[in-house]
Amino acid sequence: MSRSPRAVPSRARRKKVFKATKGFYGRRKNNITSANAAADRSLQHNYVGRKLRKRNFRALWIQRINAAVREHGLTYSRFMSGLAKAGIEIDRKVLSDLAIHEPAAFKALVDQASK
């Protein structure tokens, strides 16, 4: 049985890891053992970060809505419950965008919610 050369796939694996760890500091970028661990950990951080980003943006939208609603003499929770009772279903991202870019339209929503 002939011996199969294994240099090509192993070099490809290493290249893939080193590409993922490009820009890392110290041995983490050019030592395969350290780079493997760093690349695995970075993928875990990426996964967690994608969840955190959703959480952070929702908090930001709520803060913006709260600030805009308080200018009209209402609180965030009263505003959201008023919208629900009025049957208006707009998500927080759109409400935040309206509060910033379309203050007149947002004021109309506040009036609807305060009835």
Protein backbone atom coordinates (compact mmCIF):
# COMPACT_ATOMS: atom_id res chain seq x y z
CA MET A 1 0.00 0.00 0.00
CA SER A 2 1.38 3.39 -0.96
CA ARG A 3 1.84 6.13 1.56
CA SER A 4 -0.43 9.12 1.12
CA PRO A 5 1.12 12.56 1.63
CA ARG A 6 -0.66 14.46 4.39
CA ALA A 7 1.09 17.81 4.14
CA VAL A 8 -1.53 19.50 1.99
CA PRO A 9 -4.60 19.05 4.25
CA SER A 10 -2.68 19.76 7.44
CA ARG A 11 -1.20 22.93 5.95
CA ALA A 12 -4.69 23.95 4.83
CA ARG A 13 -5.99 23.43 8.38
CA ARG A 14 -3.18 25.54 9.81
CA LYS A 15 -3.69 28.27 7.23
CA LYS A 16 -7.38 28.41 8.10
CA VAL A 17 -6.59 28.83 11.81
CA PHE A 18 -3.87 31.44 11.18
CA LYS A 19 -6.24 33.39 8.95
CA ALA A 20 -8.78 33.42 11.79
CA THR A 21 -6.17 34.62 14.31
CA LYS A 22 -4.68 37.31 12.08
CA GLY A 23 -4.16 40.46 14.13
CA PHE A 24 -3.96 38.64 17.47
CA TYR A 25 -1.12 39.54 19.83
CA GLY A 26 1.98 37.46 20.51
CA ARG A 27 2.10 33.71 20.02
CA ARG A 28 -1.64 33.52 19.61
CA LYS A 29 -1.24 34.48 15.95
CA ASN A 30 1.69 32.30 14.84
CA ASN A 31 1.91 29.25 17.12
CA ILE A 32 -0.59 26.61 16.00
CA THR A 33 -1.35 25.31 19.50
CA SER A 34 -2.02 28.77 20.91
CA ALA A 35 -3.76 29.88 17.74
CA ASN A 36 -6.17 26.91 17.85
CA ALA A 37 -7.22 27.78 21.39
CA ALA A 38 -7.50 31.49 20.58
CA ALA A 39 -9.56 30.83 17.45
CA ASP A 40 -11.95 28.53 19.33
CA ARG A 41 -12.38 31.09 22.10
CA SER A 42 -12.93 33.89 19.60
CA LEU A 43 -15.74 31.93 17.98
CA GLN A 44 -17.37 31.49 21.39
CA HIS A 45 -17.09 35.23 22.04
CA ASN A 46 -18.60 35.91 18.63
CA TYR A 47 -21.59 33.71 19.45
CA VAL A 48 -22.16 35.41 22.81
CA GLY A 49 -21.65 38.83 21.22
CA ARG A 50 -24.41 38.23 18.70
CA LYS A 51 -26.83 37.62 21.57
CA LEU A 52 -25.56 40.62 23.55
CA ARG A 53 -25.96 42.94 20.58
CA LYS A 54 -29.67 42.18 20.39
CA ARG A 55 -30.04 42.83 24.12
CA ASN A 56 -28.08 46.10 23.96
CA PHE A 57 -30.00 47.46 20.99
CA ARG A 58 -33.35 46.69 22.62
CA ALA A 59 -32.22 48.59 25.74
CA LEU A 60 -31.10 51.52 23.57
CA TRP A 61 -34.44 51.65 21.74
CA ILE A 62 -36.31 51.62 25.06
CA GLN A 63 -34.16 54.48 26.41
CA ARG A 64 -34.79 56.54 23.29
CA ILE A 65 -38.53 55.92 23.38
CA ASN A 66 -38.64 56.76 27.09
CA ALA A 67 -36.79 60.05 26.53
CA ALA A 68 -39.05 61.01 23.63
CA VAL A 69 -42.24 60.08 25.47
CA ARG A 70 -41.29 62.03 28.60
CA GLU A 71 -41.12 65.19 26.47
CA HIS A 72 -44.85 64.70 25.94
CA GLY A 73 -45.57 64.13 29.63
CA LEU A 74 -45.87 60.34 29.64
CA THR A 75 -43.73 57.48 30.89
CA TYR A 76 -42.48 54.57 28.82
CA SER A 77 -44.61 51.95 30.54
CA ARG A 78 -47.82 54.04 30.28
CA PHE A 79 -47.04 54.74 26.64
CA MET A 80 -46.50 51.06 25.79
CA SER A 81 -49.64 49.98 27.63
CA GLY A 82 -51.58 52.75 25.90
CA LEU A 83 -50.37 51.55 22.51
CA ALA A 84 -51.39 47.99 23.35
CA LYS A 85 -54.87 49.10 24.46
CA ALA A 86 -55.24 51.20 21.29
CA GLY A 87 -54.37 48.12 19.23
CA ILE A 88 -51.23 49.65 17.74
CA GLU A 89 -48.53 47.04 17.20
CA ILE A 90 -45.25 48.76 16.35
CA ASP A 91 -41.97 47.30 17.53
CA ARG A 92 -39.50 49.27 19.61
CA LYS A 93 -36.97 49.65 16.82
CA VAL A 94 -39.49 51.44 14.60
CA LEU A 95 -40.80 53.52 17.51
CA SER A 96 -37.27 54.64 18.32
CA ASP A 97 -36.65 55.55 14.69
CA LEU A 98 -39.91 57.50 14.56
CA ALA A 99 -39.02 59.38 17.74
CA ILE A 100 -35.74 60.52 16.21
CA HIS A 101 -36.60 61.17 12.56
CA GLU A 102 -40.38 61.77 12.53
CA PRO A 103 -41.33 63.67 15.71
CA ALA A 104 -44.75 64.65 14.33
CA ALA A 105 -45.72 61.05 13.62
CA PHE A 106 -44.41 60.02 17.03
CA LYS A 107 -46.49 62.76 18.67
CA ALA A 108 -49.58 61.35 16.93
CA LEU A 109 -48.78 57.93 18.42
CA VAL A 110 -48.34 59.47 21.87
CA ASP A 111 -51.73 61.15 21.53
CA GLN A 112 -53.33 57.85 20.56
CA ALA A 113 -51.71 56.06 23.49
CA SER A 114 -52.67 58.71 26.03
CA LYS A 115 -56.41 58.52 25.21
